[in-house]
Amino acid sequence: MKRAIKSLTDTLRATRERKGISQRALSAKLGIPQSRLSRIENAAVDVRTSSLLDLARALDLEPVLVPRRLVPAVTRIIEDALTSSGTEPKNRPLYRLDDGDEDA
């Protein structure tokens, strides 16, 4: 369980850093002490689900439950969207239903 939480908090930290938001600024936005945000990001505190949702949404993330068998596909879509433009997804389809053949 600790590893799953650490993965989640690592994602929150990486997103905050990628957006160039300091812990101090984010904690002020959330109305929590910076030290608490630090402990959350280091998975050193058992955080309430509502607090985790608030933190994710402040970073423009939306937590979603995904069937375990689909995690690799969802992860790949997210990685492709983020790396294709540097920081934000491009306005392009992330999948195709056909083989790309325009004449078909």
Protein backbone atom coordinates (compact mmCIF):
# COMPACT_ATOMS: atom_id res chain seq x y z
CA MET A 1 0.00 0.00 0.00
CA LYS A 2 2.82 2.42 0.86
CA ARG A 3 4.31 1.94 -2.63
CA ALA A 4 1.00 2.82 -4.30
CA ILE A 5 0.68 5.99 -2.22
CA LYS A 6 4.30 6.93 -2.97
CA SER A 7 3.64 6.55 -6.69
CA LEU A 8 0.61 8.83 -6.39
CA THR A 9 2.42 11.47 -4.36
CA ASP A 10 5.40 11.34 -6.73
CA THR A 11 3.02 12.13 -9.58
CA LEU A 12 1.56 15.06 -7.64
CA ARG A 13 5.04 16.43 -6.91
CA ALA A 14 6.22 15.98 -10.50
CA THR A 15 3.13 17.76 -11.82
CA ARG A 16 3.61 20.64 -9.39
CA GLU A 17 7.26 20.98 -10.40
CA ARG A 18 6.49 20.69 -14.14
CA LYS A 19 3.97 23.52 -13.76
CA GLY A 20 6.56 25.62 -11.92
CA ILE A 21 4.48 25.93 -8.76
CA SER A 22 6.30 26.08 -5.44
CA GLN A 23 5.16 24.14 -2.41
CA ARG A 24 4.59 27.46 -0.67
CA ALA A 25 2.31 28.76 -3.44
CA LEU A 26 0.33 25.53 -3.68
CA SER A 27 -0.06 25.20 0.07
CA ALA A 28 -1.32 28.79 0.24
CA LYS A 29 -3.85 28.04 -2.50
CA LEU A 30 -5.03 24.97 -0.60
CA GLY A 31 -4.99 26.69 2.79
CA ILE A 32 -2.63 24.18 4.39
CA PRO A 33 0.84 24.64 5.88
CA GLN A 34 3.75 24.12 3.48
CA SER A 35 5.19 21.55 5.88
CA ARG A 36 2.01 19.44 5.53
CA LEU A 37 2.25 19.58 1.74
CA SER A 38 5.86 18.45 2.00
CA ARG A 39 4.85 15.49 4.17
CA ILE A 40 2.08 14.59 1.71
CA GLU A 41 4.49 14.70 -1.24
CA ASN A 42 6.93 12.49 0.66
CA ALA A 43 4.16 10.02 1.61
CA ALA A 44 5.05 10.65 5.24
CA VAL A 45 1.47 11.27 6.32
CA ASP A 46 -1.78 9.38 5.82
CA VAL A 47 -3.78 11.89 3.83
CA ARG A 48 -7.58 11.95 3.63
CA THR A 49 -9.15 11.21 0.27
CA SER A 50 -10.83 14.62 0.18
CA SER A 51 -7.47 16.33 0.75
CA LEU A 52 -5.88 14.26 -1.99
CA LEU A 53 -8.68 15.23 -4.38
CA ASP A 54 -8.27 18.92 -3.50
CA LEU A 55 -4.52 18.71 -4.10
CA ALA A 56 -4.90 16.91 -7.43
CA ARG A 57 -7.55 19.32 -8.68
CA ALA A 58 -5.45 22.34 -7.66
CA LEU A 59 -2.85 20.94 -10.07
CA ASP A 60 -5.50 20.50 -12.80
CA LEU A 61 -5.48 16.72 -12.42
CA GLU A 62 -8.53 14.50 -12.15
CA PRO A 63 -8.14 11.27 -10.20
CA VAL A 64 -9.81 8.39 -12.01
CA LEU A 65 -10.15 4.73 -11.12
CA VAL A 66 -9.04 2.56 -14.02
CA PRO A 67 -9.39 -1.20 -14.31
CA ARG A 68 -5.96 -2.65 -13.53
CA ARG A 69 -5.70 -4.39 -16.89
CA LEU A 70 -6.05 -1.01 -18.65
CA VAL A 71 -3.42 0.84 -16.62
CA PRO A 72 -0.61 0.28 -19.18
CA ALA A 73 -2.77 1.68 -21.99
CA VAL A 74 -3.91 4.70 -19.99
CA THR A 75 -0.35 5.36 -18.82
CA ARG A 76 0.90 5.26 -22.42
CA ILE A 77 -1.79 7.70 -23.59
CA ILE A 78 -0.87 10.13 -20.82
CA GLU A 79 2.87 9.84 -21.51
CA ASP A 80 2.34 10.38 -25.25
CA ALA A 81 0.13 13.40 -24.62
CA LEU A 82 2.61 15.02 -22.23
CA THR A 83 5.78 14.32 -24.19
CA SER A 84 4.34 15.28 -27.58
CA SER A 85 4.24 18.94 -26.64
CA GLY A 86 6.55 19.21 -23.66
CA THR A 87 4.07 19.99 -20.90
CA GLU A 88 0.52 20.00 -22.20
CA PRO A 89 -1.37 17.63 -24.49
CA LYS A 90 -1.71 18.62 -28.16
CA ASN A 91 -5.14 18.91 -29.72
CA ARG A 92 -4.78 15.72 -31.70
CA PRO A 93 -6.41 12.34 -31.46
CA LEU A 94 -4.63 9.99 -29.08
CA TYR A 95 -5.86 6.94 -31.00
CA ARG A 96 -7.20 5.98 -34.43
CA LEU A 97 -10.00 3.64 -35.29
CA ASP A 98 -8.66 3.00 -38.79
CA ASP A 99 -5.23 2.36 -40.23
CA GLY A 100 -4.92 5.98 -41.34
CA ASP A 101 -5.71 5.17 -44.97
CA GLU A 102 -7.76 8.14 -46.28
CA ASP A 103 -9.06 6.24 -49.38
CA ALA A 104 -10.52 3.32 -47.43
